[in-house]
Amino acid sequence: MSISRHRPPIVRQTHVDSCWAAVLECWSLVDGRIPRQQQQPLIHHWGEGDTGGITPATKIPIIAAALGLAWGGFPADSLVGYLEDHLPESHIFCAYTRGEFTHAILIYRFSDRNNLSYMDPDGGHDRWKEIDWFLDRGPYVLMRRP
């Protein structure tokens, strides 16, 4: 059985490390339960330095509280269960390990073929990858609409 949410619009990150802000903007455009967000004000308010990045461990809890989102840090082996439990009710903000950095995407589909579909703000793309690709990139910081 596949779990699908509405496909979000493509939102391209405006700074080298502003993927988190682009994902929040994208999410707010597809889910009316989240206050409308725009990258530049998000980066101005919470960004750290000229690259538009944040330190997820310190900023995600604050951002989640401000937007009324549930968040947490999760090991790789809990991703499938998290998606099965929460994707039916909410798109999933997923920050995963990409080399030495963390990259954020917006997950909107988990298919019965074990593929994840997501909006990737790095270049602004609609992508999909097999779940095994993600399982090698944990742990994750995940947010959802409660």
C-alpha atoms as a PDB file:
ATOM      1  CA  MET A   1       0.000   0.000   0.000  1.00  0.00           C
ATOM      2  CA  SER A   2       1.325   3.454  -0.895  1.00  0.00           C
ATOM      3  CA  ILE A   3       0.981   6.501   1.325  1.00  0.00           C
ATOM      4  CA  SER A   4       0.640   9.752  -0.614  1.00  0.00           C
ATOM      5  CA  ARG A   5       0.109  13.376   0.235  1.00  0.00           C
ATOM      6  CA  HIS A   6      -0.391  16.205  -2.240  1.00  0.00           C
ATOM      7  CA  ARG A   7       2.694  16.777  -4.361  1.00  0.00           C
ATOM      8  CA  PRO A   8       4.284  20.005  -3.144  1.00  0.00           C
ATOM      9  CA  PRO A   9       5.445  22.789  -5.431  1.00  0.00           C
ATOM     10  CA  ILE A  10       9.109  23.017  -6.287  1.00  0.00           C
ATOM     11  CA  VAL A  11      10.908  25.593  -4.164  1.00  0.00           C
ATOM     12  CA  ARG A  12      14.595  26.160  -4.802  1.00  0.00           C
ATOM     13  CA  GLN A  13      16.853  27.176  -1.932  1.00  0.00           C
ATOM     14  CA  THR A  14      18.179  30.720  -2.287  1.00  0.00           C
ATOM     15  CA  HIS A  15      21.395  30.255  -0.268  1.00  0.00           C
ATOM     16  CA  VAL A  16      23.896  27.406  -0.209  1.00  0.00           C
ATOM     17  CA  ASP A  17      22.597  26.151   3.182  1.00  0.00           C
ATOM     18  CA  SER A  18      18.997  27.376   3.204  1.00  0.00           C
ATOM     19  CA  CYS A  19      17.402  24.032   2.333  1.00  0.00           C
ATOM     20  CA  TRP A  20      15.531  24.046   5.657  1.00  0.00           C
ATOM     21  CA  ALA A  21      13.907  27.402   4.848  1.00  0.00           C
ATOM     22  CA  ALA A  22      12.995  26.319   1.314  1.00  0.00           C
ATOM     23  CA  VAL A  23      11.368  23.162   2.679  1.00  0.00           C
ATOM     24  CA  LEU A  24       9.336  25.162   5.193  1.00  0.00           C
ATOM     25  CA  GLU A  25       8.218  27.557   2.452  1.00  0.00           C
ATOM     26  CA  CYS A  26       7.269  24.650   0.183  1.00  0.00           C
ATOM     27  CA  TRP A  27       5.419  22.856   2.980  1.00  0.00           C
ATOM     28  CA  SER A  28       3.429  25.963   3.867  1.00  0.00           C
ATOM     29  CA  LEU A  29       2.327  26.268   0.221  1.00  0.00           C
ATOM     30  CA  VAL A  30       0.923  22.724   0.121  1.00  0.00           C
ATOM     31  CA  ASP A  31      -0.532  22.488   3.650  1.00  0.00           C
ATOM     32  CA  GLY A  32      -2.866  25.278   4.720  1.00  0.00           C
ATOM     33  CA  ARG A  33      -2.561  24.203   8.374  1.00  0.00           C
ATOM     34  CA  ILE A  34       0.956  25.645   8.478  1.00  0.00           C
ATOM     35  CA  PRO A  35       1.331  29.427   8.568  1.00  0.00           C
ATOM     36  CA  ARG A  36       2.601  30.758   5.220  1.00  0.00           C
ATOM     37  CA  GLN A  37       6.398  30.943   5.204  1.00  0.00           C
ATOM     38  CA  GLN A  38       8.967  32.558   2.930  1.00  0.00           C
ATOM     39  CA  GLN A  39      12.653  31.734   2.820  1.00  0.00           C
ATOM     40  CA  GLN A  40      14.096  35.208   3.240  1.00  0.00           C
ATOM     41  CA  PRO A  41      12.270  36.079   6.486  1.00  0.00           C
ATOM     42  CA  LEU A  42      13.047  32.602   7.855  1.00  0.00           C
ATOM     43  CA  ILE A  43      16.733  32.974   7.034  1.00  0.00           C
ATOM     44  CA  HIS A  44      16.805  36.491   8.461  1.00  0.00           C
ATOM     45  CA  HIS A  45      15.137  35.371  11.697  1.00  0.00           C
ATOM     46  CA  TRP A  46      16.866  32.018  12.343  1.00  0.00           C
ATOM     47  CA  GLY A  47      19.741  31.690   9.867  1.00  0.00           C
ATOM     48  CA  GLU A  48      23.344  31.636  11.019  1.00  0.00           C
ATOM     49  CA  GLY A  49      25.783  33.537   8.854  1.00  0.00           C
ATOM     50  CA  ASP A  50      25.827  34.345   5.167  1.00  0.00           C
ATOM     51  CA  THR A  51      25.055  30.824   3.898  1.00  0.00           C
ATOM     52  CA  GLY A  52      21.510  30.731   5.329  1.00  0.00           C
ATOM     53  CA  GLY A  53      22.193  27.608   7.363  1.00  0.00           C
ATOM     54  CA  ILE A  54      21.096  26.634  10.851  1.00  0.00           C
ATOM     55  CA  THR A  55      22.366  24.268  13.514  1.00  0.00           C
ATOM     56  CA  PRO A  56      19.535  21.697  13.498  1.00  0.00           C
ATOM     57  CA  ALA A  57      20.018  20.571  17.120  1.00  0.00           C
ATOM     58  CA  THR A  58      19.471  24.071  18.454  1.00  0.00           C
ATOM     59  CA  LYS A  59      17.194  25.711  15.884  1.00  0.00           C
ATOM     60  CA  ILE A  60      14.742  22.965  14.878  1.00  0.00           C
ATOM     61  CA  PRO A  61      13.118  22.794  18.341  1.00  0.00           C
ATOM     62  CA  ILE A  62      12.583  26.570  18.296  1.00  0.00           C
ATOM     63  CA  ILE A  63      11.294  26.647  14.714  1.00  0.00           C
ATOM     64  CA  ALA A  64       8.975  23.677  15.325  1.00  0.00           C
ATOM     65  CA  ALA A  65       7.508  25.358  18.419  1.00  0.00           C
ATOM     66  CA  ALA A  66       6.978  28.625  16.555  1.00  0.00           C
ATOM     67  CA  LEU A  67       5.141  26.863  13.698  1.00  0.00           C
ATOM     68  CA  GLY A  68       3.181  24.377  15.813  1.00  0.00           C
ATOM     69  CA  LEU A  69       5.049  21.343  14.477  1.00  0.00           C
ATOM     70  CA  ALA A  70       6.110  18.127  16.201  1.00  0.00           C
ATOM     71  CA  TRP A  71       9.786  17.254  15.822  1.00  0.00           C
ATOM     72  CA  GLY A  72      12.405  14.798  16.987  1.00  0.00           C
ATOM     73  CA  GLY A  73      15.696  13.112  16.282  1.00  0.00           C
ATOM     74  CA  PHE A  74      15.402   9.532  15.065  1.00  0.00           C
ATOM     75  CA  PRO A  75      17.782   6.671  14.217  1.00  0.00           C
ATOM     76  CA  ALA A  76      17.794   5.300  10.673  1.00  0.00           C
ATOM     77  CA  ASP A  77      15.929   2.117  11.587  1.00  0.00           C
ATOM     78  CA  SER A  78      12.885   4.083  12.770  1.00  0.00           C
ATOM     79  CA  LEU A  79      12.274   5.937   9.470  1.00  0.00           C
ATOM     80  CA  VAL A  80       9.880   3.412   7.898  1.00  0.00           C
ATOM     81  CA  GLY A  81       7.739   3.205  11.046  1.00  0.00           C
ATOM     82  CA  TYR A  82       7.690   6.993  11.351  1.00  0.00           C
ATOM     83  CA  LEU A  83       6.527   7.363   7.756  1.00  0.00           C
ATOM     84  CA  GLU A  84       3.850   4.692   8.170  1.00  0.00           C
ATOM     85  CA  ASP A  85       2.588   6.377  11.352  1.00  0.00           C
ATOM     86  CA  HIS A  86       2.694  10.038  10.296  1.00  0.00           C
ATOM     87  CA  LEU A  87       2.789  10.450   6.507  1.00  0.00           C
ATOM     88  CA  PRO A  88      -0.952   9.660   6.187  1.00  0.00           C
ATOM     89  CA  GLU A  89      -1.669  12.866   8.154  1.00  0.00           C
ATOM     90  CA  SER A  90       1.243  15.156   7.315  1.00  0.00           C
ATOM     91  CA  HIS A  91       4.053  15.824   4.875  1.00  0.00           C
ATOM     92  CA  ILE A  92       7.380  15.033   6.549  1.00  0.00           C
ATOM     93  CA  PHE A  93      10.266  17.491   6.871  1.00  0.00           C
ATOM     94  CA  CYS A  94      13.352  15.276   6.820  1.00  0.00           C
ATOM     95  CA  ALA A  95      16.876  16.454   7.537  1.00  0.00           C
ATOM     96  CA  TYR A  96      19.368  13.674   6.770  1.00  0.00           C
ATOM     97  CA  THR A  97      23.144  13.374   6.739  1.00  0.00           C
ATOM     98  CA  ARG A  98      24.794  14.365   3.474  1.00  0.00           C
ATOM     99  CA  GLY A  99      28.536  14.042   3.898  1.00  0.00           C
ATOM    100  CA  GLU A 100      29.564  16.280   6.772  1.00  0.00           C
ATOM    101  CA  PHE A 101      26.383  18.323   6.571  1.00  0.00           C
ATOM    102  CA  THR A 102      22.651  17.926   7.019  1.00  0.00           C
ATOM    103  CA  HIS A 103      20.251  18.436   4.114  1.00  0.00           C
ATOM    104  CA  ALA A 104      16.480  18.993   4.366  1.00  0.00           C
ATOM    105  CA  ILE A 105      13.790  17.689   2.011  1.00  0.00           C
ATOM    106  CA  LEU A 106       9.991  17.398   2.097  1.00  0.00           C
ATOM    107  CA  ILE A 107       8.702  13.814   1.831  1.00  0.00           C
ATOM    108  CA  TYR A 108       5.249  13.419   0.326  1.00  0.00           C
ATOM    109  CA  ARG A 109       5.034   9.769  -0.783  1.00  0.00           C
ATOM    110  CA  PHE A 110       6.144   6.347   0.436  1.00  0.00           C
ATOM    111  CA  SER A 111       5.311   3.777  -2.233  1.00  0.00           C
ATOM    112  CA  ASP A 112       4.602   0.094  -1.890  1.00  0.00           C
ATOM    113  CA  ARG A 113       7.814  -0.442  -3.871  1.00  0.00           C
ATOM    114  CA  ASN A 114       9.795   1.079  -0.986  1.00  0.00           C
ATOM    115  CA  ASN A 115      10.487   4.347  -2.774  1.00  0.00           C
ATOM    116  CA  LEU A 116      10.280   7.784  -1.198  1.00  0.00           C
ATOM    117  CA  SER A 117       9.159  10.750  -3.277  1.00  0.00           C
ATOM    118  CA  TYR A 118      10.244  14.168  -2.091  1.00  0.00           C
ATOM    119  CA  MET A 119      10.824  17.779  -3.019  1.00  0.00           C
ATOM    120  CA  ASP A 120      14.531  18.582  -2.965  1.00  0.00           C
ATOM    121  CA  PRO A 121      15.293  22.311  -2.717  1.00  0.00           C
ATOM    122  CA  ASP A 122      18.916  21.791  -3.827  1.00  0.00           C
ATOM    123  CA  GLY A 123      18.417  22.848  -7.429  1.00  0.00           C
ATOM    124  CA  GLY A 124      14.634  22.590  -7.008  1.00  0.00           C
ATOM    125  CA  HIS A 125      13.687  19.054  -8.026  1.00  0.00           C
ATOM    126  CA  ASP A 126      10.956  16.504  -7.516  1.00  0.00           C
ATOM    127  CA  ARG A 127      12.865  13.280  -6.782  1.00  0.00           C
ATOM    128  CA  TRP A 128      12.467   9.716  -5.606  1.00  0.00           C
ATOM    129  CA  LYS A 129      14.910   7.226  -4.151  1.00  0.00           C
ATOM    130  CA  GLU A 130      14.702   3.755  -2.674  1.00  0.00           C
ATOM    131  CA  ILE A 131      14.264   3.629   1.089  1.00  0.00           C
ATOM    132  CA  ASP A 132      17.640   1.850   1.419  1.00  0.00           C
ATOM    133  CA  TRP A 133      19.352   5.010   0.159  1.00  0.00           C
ATOM    134  CA  PHE A 134      17.822   6.937   3.070  1.00  0.00           C
ATOM    135  CA  LEU A 135      18.570   4.258   5.642  1.00  0.00           C
ATOM    136  CA  ASP A 136      22.286   4.837   5.001  1.00  0.00           C
ATOM    137  CA  ARG A 137      21.920   8.561   5.786  1.00  0.00           C
ATOM    138  CA  GLY A 138      20.497   8.621   9.291  1.00  0.00           C
ATOM    139  CA  PRO A 139      20.040   9.694  11.964  1.00  0.00           C
ATOM    140  CA  TYR A 140      17.327  12.157  11.018  1.00  0.00           C
ATOM    141  CA  VAL A 141      15.656  15.250  12.312  1.00  0.00           C
ATOM    142  CA  LEU A 142      11.994  14.926  11.363  1.00  0.00           C
ATOM    143  CA  MET A 143       9.086  17.340  11.658  1.00  0.00           C
ATOM    144  CA  ARG A 144       5.398  16.800  11.031  1.00  0.00           C
ATOM    145  CA  ARG A 145       2.087  18.502  11.558  1.00  0.00           C
ATOM    146  CA  PRO A 146       0.525  17.005  14.722  1.00  0.00           C
END
